[in-house]
C-alpha atoms as a PDB file:
ATOM      1  CA  UNK A   1      78.548  95.439 106.329  1.00  0.00           C
ATOM      2  CA  UNK A   2      79.066  98.616 103.880  1.00  0.00           C
ATOM      3  CA  UNK A   3      79.187  97.313 100.508  1.00  0.00           C
ATOM      4  CA  UNK A   4      83.185  97.880  99.017  1.00  0.00           C
ATOM      5  CA  UNK A   5      84.657  99.633  95.773  1.00  0.00           C
ATOM      6  CA  UNK A   6      86.391  97.021  94.716  1.00  0.00           C
ATOM      7  CA  UNK A   7      88.713  98.972  92.201  1.00  0.00           C
ATOM      8  CA  UNK A   8      89.963 101.073  94.773  1.00  0.00           C
ATOM      9  CA  UNK A   9      90.683  98.024  96.943  1.00  0.00           C
ATOM     10  CA  UNK A  10      93.040  96.876  93.752  1.00  0.00           C
ATOM     11  CA  UNK A  11      94.686 100.283  93.804  1.00  0.00           C
ATOM     12  CA  UNK A  12      95.345 100.053  97.280  1.00  0.00           C
ATOM     13  CA  UNK A  13      96.510  96.522  96.899  1.00  0.00           C
ATOM     14  CA  UNK A  14      98.910  97.767  94.074  1.00  0.00           C
ATOM     15  CA  UNK A  15     100.366 100.830  96.275  1.00  0.00           C
ATOM     16  CA  UNK A  16     101.362  98.235  98.733  1.00  0.00           C
ATOM     17  CA  UNK A  17     102.690  95.919  96.425  1.00  0.00           C
ATOM     18  CA  UNK A  18     104.783  98.978  94.689  1.00  0.00           C
ATOM     19  CA  UNK A  19     106.010 100.072  98.351  1.00  0.00           C
ATOM     20  CA  UNK A  20     107.106  96.451  99.244  1.00  0.00           C
ATOM     21  CA  UNK A  21     108.840  96.089  95.563  1.00  0.00           C
ATOM     22  CA  UNK A  22     110.757  99.554  96.406  1.00  0.00           C
ATOM     23  CA  UNK A  23     111.604  99.178  99.583  1.00  0.00           C
ATOM     24  CA  UNK A  24     113.153  95.220  98.692  1.00  0.00           C
ATOM     25  CA  UNK A  25     114.432  95.313  95.268  1.00  0.00           C
ATOM     26  CA  UNK A  26     116.522  92.594  95.258  1.00  0.00           C
ATOM     27  CA  UNK A  27     120.082  94.419  95.387  1.00  0.00           C
ATOM     28  CA  UNK A  28     121.068  98.031  96.886  1.00  0.00           C
ATOM     29  CA  UNK A  29     123.767  97.861  94.691  1.00  0.00           C
ATOM     30  CA  UNK A  30     122.218  97.054  91.496  1.00  0.00           C
ATOM     31  CA  UNK A  31     118.733  98.174  91.604  1.00  0.00           C
ATOM     32  CA  UNK A  32     116.282  98.787  88.356  1.00  0.00           C
ATOM     33  CA  UNK A  33     115.725 102.600  87.895  1.00  0.00           C
ATOM     34  CA  UNK A  34     112.416 102.167  88.279  1.00  0.00           C
ATOM     35  CA  UNK A  35     112.591 101.079  91.763  1.00  0.00           C
ATOM     36  CA  UNK A  36     114.359 104.010  93.092  1.00  0.00           C
ATOM     37  CA  UNK A  37     113.578 107.490  93.743  1.00  0.00           C
ATOM     38  CA  UNK A  38     114.616 110.033  90.988  1.00  0.00           C
ATOM     39  CA  UNK A  39     117.397 112.229  92.374  1.00  0.00           C
ATOM     40  CA  UNK A  40     115.850 115.364  91.470  1.00  0.00           C
ATOM     41  CA  UNK A  41     113.865 115.971  88.236  1.00  0.00           C
ATOM     42  CA  UNK A  42     111.061 113.876  87.041  1.00  0.00           C
ATOM     43  CA  UNK A  43     109.726 111.038  88.922  1.00  0.00           C
ATOM     44  CA  UNK A  44     109.901 107.571  88.743  1.00  0.00           C
ATOM     45  CA  UNK A  45     106.775 104.152  89.573  1.00  0.00           C
ATOM     46  CA  UNK A  46     108.830 104.613  93.355  1.00  0.00           C
ATOM     47  CA  UNK A  47     107.603 108.208  93.493  1.00  0.00           C
ATOM     48  CA  UNK A  48     104.225 107.504  92.492  1.00  0.00           C
ATOM     49  CA  UNK A  49     103.639 105.092  95.518  1.00  0.00           C
ATOM     50  CA  UNK A  50     102.804 107.824  98.328  1.00  0.00           C
ATOM     51  CA  UNK A  51     100.976 109.798  95.799  1.00  0.00           C
ATOM     52  CA  UNK A  52      98.529 106.756  95.247  1.00  0.00           C
ATOM     53  CA  UNK A  53      98.045 106.035  98.504  1.00  0.00           C
ATOM     54  CA  UNK A  54      97.116 109.754  99.123  1.00  0.00           C
ATOM     55  CA  UNK A  55      94.502 109.424  96.201  1.00  0.00           C
ATOM     56  CA  UNK A  56      92.851 106.897  97.416  1.00  0.00           C
ATOM     57  CA  UNK A  57      92.643 108.173 101.064  1.00  0.00           C
ATOM     58  CA  UNK A  58      91.093 110.854  99.120  1.00  0.00           C
ATOM     59  CA  UNK A  59      88.621 108.620  97.510  1.00  0.00           C
ATOM     60  CA  UNK A  60      87.257 107.180 100.177  1.00  0.00           C
ATOM     61  CA  UNK A  61      86.903 109.991 102.252  1.00  0.00           C
ATOM     62  CA  UNK A  62      85.134 111.653  98.850  1.00  0.00           C
ATOM     63  CA  UNK A  63      82.854 108.002  99.084  1.00  0.00           C
ATOM     64  CA  UNK A  64      81.753 108.135 102.504  1.00  0.00           C
ATOM     65  CA  UNK A  65      80.044 111.634 102.330  1.00  0.00           C
ATOM     66  CA  UNK A  66      77.385 111.370  99.816  1.00  0.00           C
ATOM     67  CA  UNK A  67      74.346 109.766 101.754  1.00  0.00           C
ATOM     68  CA  UNK A  68      72.363 112.286 103.711  1.00  0.00           C
ATOM     69  CA  UNK A  69      74.578 114.116 106.122  1.00  0.00           C
ATOM     70  CA  UNK A  70      72.996 115.331 109.501  1.00  0.00           C
ATOM     71  CA  UNK A  71      75.067 117.397 112.419  1.00  0.00           C
ATOM     72  CA  UNK A  72      75.291 114.251 114.387  1.00  0.00           C
ATOM     73  CA  UNK A  73      77.054 112.770 111.438  1.00  0.00           C
ATOM     74  CA  UNK A  74      79.449 115.500 111.652  1.00  0.00           C
ATOM     75  CA  UNK A  75      79.997 114.954 114.863  1.00  0.00           C
ATOM     76  CA  UNK A  76      80.409 110.881 114.636  1.00  0.00           C
ATOM     77  CA  UNK A  77      82.940 112.133 111.815  1.00  0.00           C
ATOM     78  CA  UNK A  78      84.995 114.020 113.481  1.00  0.00           C
ATOM     79  CA  UNK A  79      85.709 111.011 116.072  1.00  0.00           C
ATOM     80  CA  UNK A  80      85.922 108.731 113.542  1.00  0.00           C
ATOM     81  CA  UNK A  81      88.586 111.118 111.970  1.00  0.00           C
ATOM     82  CA  UNK A  82      90.673 111.800 115.082  1.00  0.00           C
ATOM     83  CA  UNK A  83      90.480 107.825 115.608  1.00  0.00           C
ATOM     84  CA  UNK A  84      91.856 107.025 112.409  1.00  0.00           C
ATOM     85  CA  UNK A  85      94.514 109.714 112.391  1.00  0.00           C
ATOM     86  CA  UNK A  86      95.969 109.158 115.705  1.00  0.00           C
ATOM     87  CA  UNK A  87      95.822 105.261 114.624  1.00  0.00           C
ATOM     88  CA  UNK A  88      97.624 105.468 111.885  1.00  0.00           C
ATOM     89  CA  UNK A  89     100.550 108.246 113.249  1.00  0.00           C
ATOM     90  CA  UNK A  90     100.868 105.626 116.361  1.00  0.00           C
ATOM     91  CA  UNK A  91     100.900 102.560 114.145  1.00  0.00           C
ATOM     92  CA  UNK A  92     103.827 104.379 112.423  1.00  0.00           C
ATOM     93  CA  UNK A  93     105.384 105.424 115.193  1.00  0.00           C
ATOM     94  CA  UNK A  94     105.073 101.804 116.626  1.00  0.00           C
ATOM     95  CA  UNK A  95     106.810  99.993 113.363  1.00  0.00           C
ATOM     96  CA  UNK A  96     109.776 102.468 113.656  1.00  0.00           C
ATOM     97  CA  UNK A  97     110.320 101.883 117.135  1.00  0.00           C
ATOM     98  CA  UNK A  98     110.322  98.537 116.581  1.00  0.00           C
ATOM     99  CA  UNK A  99     112.416  98.118 113.389  1.00  0.00           C
ATOM    100  CA  UNK A 100     115.475  99.430 115.517  1.00  0.00           C
ATOM    101  CA  UNK A 101     114.198  99.215 119.377  1.00  0.00           C
ATOM    102  CA  UNK A 102     116.123 102.667 120.411  1.00  0.00           C
ATOM    103  CA  UNK A 103     114.592 105.410 121.380  1.00  0.00           C
ATOM    104  CA  UNK A 104     117.696 107.732 120.320  1.00  0.00           C
ATOM    105  CA  UNK A 105     117.141 106.463 116.662  1.00  0.00           C
ATOM    106  CA  UNK A 106     113.036 107.062 116.611  1.00  0.00           C
ATOM    107  CA  UNK A 107     111.907 108.802 113.599  1.00  0.00           C
ATOM    108  CA  UNK A 108     108.410 110.532 113.936  1.00  0.00           C
ATOM    109  CA  UNK A 109     108.277 111.613 110.020  1.00  0.00           C
ATOM    110  CA  UNK A 110     107.148 108.190 108.632  1.00  0.00           C
ATOM    111  CA  UNK A 111     104.935 107.265 105.674  1.00  0.00           C
ATOM    112  CA  UNK A 112     102.131 105.824 108.262  1.00  0.00           C
ATOM    113  CA  UNK A 113     102.923 109.508 109.824  1.00  0.00           C
ATOM    114  CA  UNK A 114     101.750 111.311 106.852  1.00  0.00           C
ATOM    115  CA  UNK A 115      99.523 109.723 105.743  1.00  0.00           C
ATOM    116  CA  UNK A 116      97.430 110.034 108.677  1.00  0.00           C
ATOM    117  CA  UNK A 117      97.995 113.770 108.712  1.00  0.00           C
ATOM    118  CA  UNK A 118      96.707 114.173 105.548  1.00  0.00           C
ATOM    119  CA  UNK A 119      93.854 112.207 105.923  1.00  0.00           C
ATOM    120  CA  UNK A 120      93.140 114.443 109.486  1.00  0.00           C
ATOM    121  CA  UNK A 121      93.774 117.916 107.376  1.00  0.00           C
ATOM    122  CA  UNK A 122      91.742 116.820 104.239  1.00  0.00           C
ATOM    123  CA  UNK A 123      89.309 115.320 105.659  1.00  0.00           C
ATOM    124  CA  UNK A 124      88.729 117.986 108.486  1.00  0.00           C
ATOM    125  CA  UNK A 125      88.366 120.806 105.502  1.00  0.00           C
ATOM    126  CA  UNK A 126      85.979 118.477 104.295  1.00  0.00           C
ATOM    127  CA  UNK A 127      84.222 118.507 107.385  1.00  0.00           C
ATOM    128  CA  UNK A 128      84.503 122.337 108.112  1.00  0.00           C
ATOM    129  CA  UNK A 129      83.477 123.335 104.359  1.00  0.00           C
ATOM    130  CA  UNK A 130      80.726 121.103 103.686  1.00  0.00           C
ATOM    131  CA  UNK A 131      77.396 122.139 103.418  1.00  0.00           C
ATOM    132  CA  UNK A 132      73.938 120.006 102.867  1.00  0.00           C
ATOM    133  CA  UNK A 133      72.489 120.689  99.419  1.00  0.00           C
ATOM    134  CA  UNK A 134      68.568 120.596  99.409  1.00  0.00           C
ATOM    135  CA  UNK A 135      68.273 116.648  98.741  1.00  0.00           C
ATOM    136  CA  UNK A 136      70.073 116.112 101.891  1.00  0.00           C
ATOM    137  CA  UNK A 137      73.363 115.276 100.343  1.00  0.00           C
ATOM    138  CA  UNK A 138      76.692 116.967 101.309  1.00  0.00           C
ATOM    139  CA  UNK A 139      78.269 119.127  98.919  1.00  0.00           C
ATOM    140  CA  UNK A 140      82.300 120.185  99.718  1.00  0.00           C
ATOM    141  CA  UNK A 141      82.674 124.230  99.225  1.00  0.00           C
ATOM    142  CA  UNK A 142      83.938 125.174  95.850  1.00  0.00           C
ATOM    143  CA  UNK A 143      85.844 127.990  96.595  1.00  0.00           C
ATOM    144  CA  UNK A 144      87.722 125.943  99.226  1.00  0.00           C
ATOM    145  CA  UNK A 145      88.540 123.405  96.383  1.00  0.00           C
ATOM    146  CA  UNK A 146      90.124 126.475  94.395  1.00  0.00           C
ATOM    147  CA  UNK A 147      91.667 127.891  97.081  1.00  0.00           C
ATOM    148  CA  UNK A 148      93.538 125.073  97.468  1.00  0.00           C
ATOM    149  CA  UNK A 149      95.065 124.990  93.913  1.00  0.00           C
ATOM    150  CA  UNK A 150      95.335 128.526  94.212  1.00  0.00           C
ATOM    151  CA  UNK A 151      98.826 129.615  92.406  1.00  0.00           C
ATOM    152  CA  UNK A 152      99.913 132.615  94.467  1.00  0.00           C
ATOM    153  CA  UNK A 153     102.899 135.072  93.768  1.00  0.00           C
ATOM    154  CA  UNK A 154     105.432 137.317  95.188  1.00  0.00           C
ATOM    155  CA  UNK A 155     108.896 138.367  94.417  1.00  0.00           C
ATOM    156  CA  UNK A 156     110.454 134.746  93.721  1.00  0.00           C
ATOM    157  CA  UNK A 157     107.836 133.863  91.215  1.00  0.00           C
ATOM    158  CA  UNK A 158     104.356 131.833  90.820  1.00  0.00           C
ATOM    159  CA  UNK A 159     103.601 128.515  93.215  1.00  0.00           C
ATOM    160  CA  UNK A 160     100.876 126.512  94.397  1.00  0.00           C
ATOM    161  CA  UNK A 161      99.549 127.700  97.790  1.00  0.00           C
ATOM    162  CA  UNK A 162     100.409 124.649  99.525  1.00  0.00           C
ATOM    163  CA  UNK A 163     103.933 125.091  98.017  1.00  0.00           C
ATOM    164  CA  UNK A 164     103.743 129.418  99.285  1.00  0.00           C
ATOM    165  CA  UNK A 165     102.358 128.181 102.928  1.00  0.00           C
ATOM    166  CA  UNK A 166     105.613 125.219 103.079  1.00  0.00           C
ATOM    167  CA  UNK A 167     108.103 128.276 101.974  1.00  0.00           C
ATOM    168  CA  UNK A 168     106.235 130.439 105.283  1.00  0.00           C
ATOM    169  CA  UNK A 169     106.699 127.513 107.291  1.00  0.00           C
ATOM    170  CA  UNK A 170     110.073 126.666 107.007  1.00  0.00           C
ATOM    171  CA  UNK A 171     111.465 129.073 104.654  1.00  0.00           C
ATOM    172  CA  UNK A 172     114.165 128.387 101.859  1.00  0.00           C
ATOM    173  CA  UNK A 173     114.393 124.653 103.190  1.00  0.00           C
ATOM    174  CA  UNK A 174     113.856 121.902 100.448  1.00  0.00           C
ATOM    175  CA  UNK A 175     113.250 118.079 101.264  1.00  0.00           C
ATOM    176  CA  UNK A 176     113.571 114.851  99.396  1.00  0.00           C
ATOM    177  CA  UNK A 177     113.978 111.570  99.359  1.00  0.00           C
ATOM    178  CA  UNK A 178     117.249 110.200 100.328  1.00  0.00           C
ATOM    179  CA  UNK A 179     116.286 106.517  98.245  1.00  0.00           C
ATOM    180  CA  UNK A 180     115.394 104.380 101.225  1.00  0.00           C
ATOM    181  CA  UNK A 181     112.459 105.409 102.517  1.00  0.00           C
ATOM    182  CA  UNK A 182     113.592 107.897 104.709  1.00  0.00           C
ATOM    183  CA  UNK A 183     113.192 111.907 103.850  1.00  0.00           C
ATOM    184  CA  UNK A 184     116.595 113.919 104.411  1.00  0.00           C
ATOM    185  CA  UNK A 185     117.168 117.258 104.138  1.00  0.00           C
ATOM    186  CA  UNK A 186     118.644 118.723 100.727  1.00  0.00           C
ATOM    187  CA  UNK A 187     122.443 119.287 101.158  1.00  0.00           C
ATOM    188  CA  UNK A 188     123.024 122.818 100.254  1.00  0.00           C
ATOM    189  CA  UNK A 189     119.798 123.376 102.838  1.00  0.00           C
ATOM    190  CA  UNK A 190     118.677 126.385 100.624  1.00  0.00           C
ATOM    191  CA  UNK A 191     116.639 126.500  97.326  1.00  0.00           C
ATOM    192  CA  UNK A 192     116.121 129.705  96.030  1.00  0.00           C
ATOM    193  CA  UNK A 193     113.695 129.910  92.470  1.00  0.00           C
ATOM    194  CA  UNK A 194     114.019 132.539  90.122  1.00  0.00           C
ATOM    195  CA  UNK A 195     112.532 133.927  87.407  1.00  0.00           C
ATOM    196  CA  UNK A 196     113.700 132.481  83.985  1.00  0.00           C
END
């Protein structure tokens, strides 16, 4: 059995406890402000639960690569990646279906599905760009990491690369949390970013 990192398990546990607390605050009419999503600007404790899950996924992925990494390891890791990502997406869809038992209201973009997608994309990028150092340990390509955090400019302004890609895929659309764990389209459906 592999050795567990207690701090990472504790962080996951806190995130799960936060998720349960945010989804069951006691009364939806008199909710404590930190147990509700921020309307638009800023963030609350509830808004930090999903990023905490993604952070713990990233740490777990990073901790799984420091050992010597061969091509056979890379092939096994691709197989594990596909199995885990599909399991997360499938479990999320199943749980959404079991909540309502109605195919007409089945929601595909749920939290587990997003975690599975982020895991697949993040780990896939690591696998595609990882190299071996002289001592055999894995080393992530720093150029890819810098590129993911790069700022790009266009006629509207400056944004991080993922935001710019999102704007190309779904121009002018913004998505917000509805406050009940479901993602809903912003009422205006168009958001313009202008320079100050």
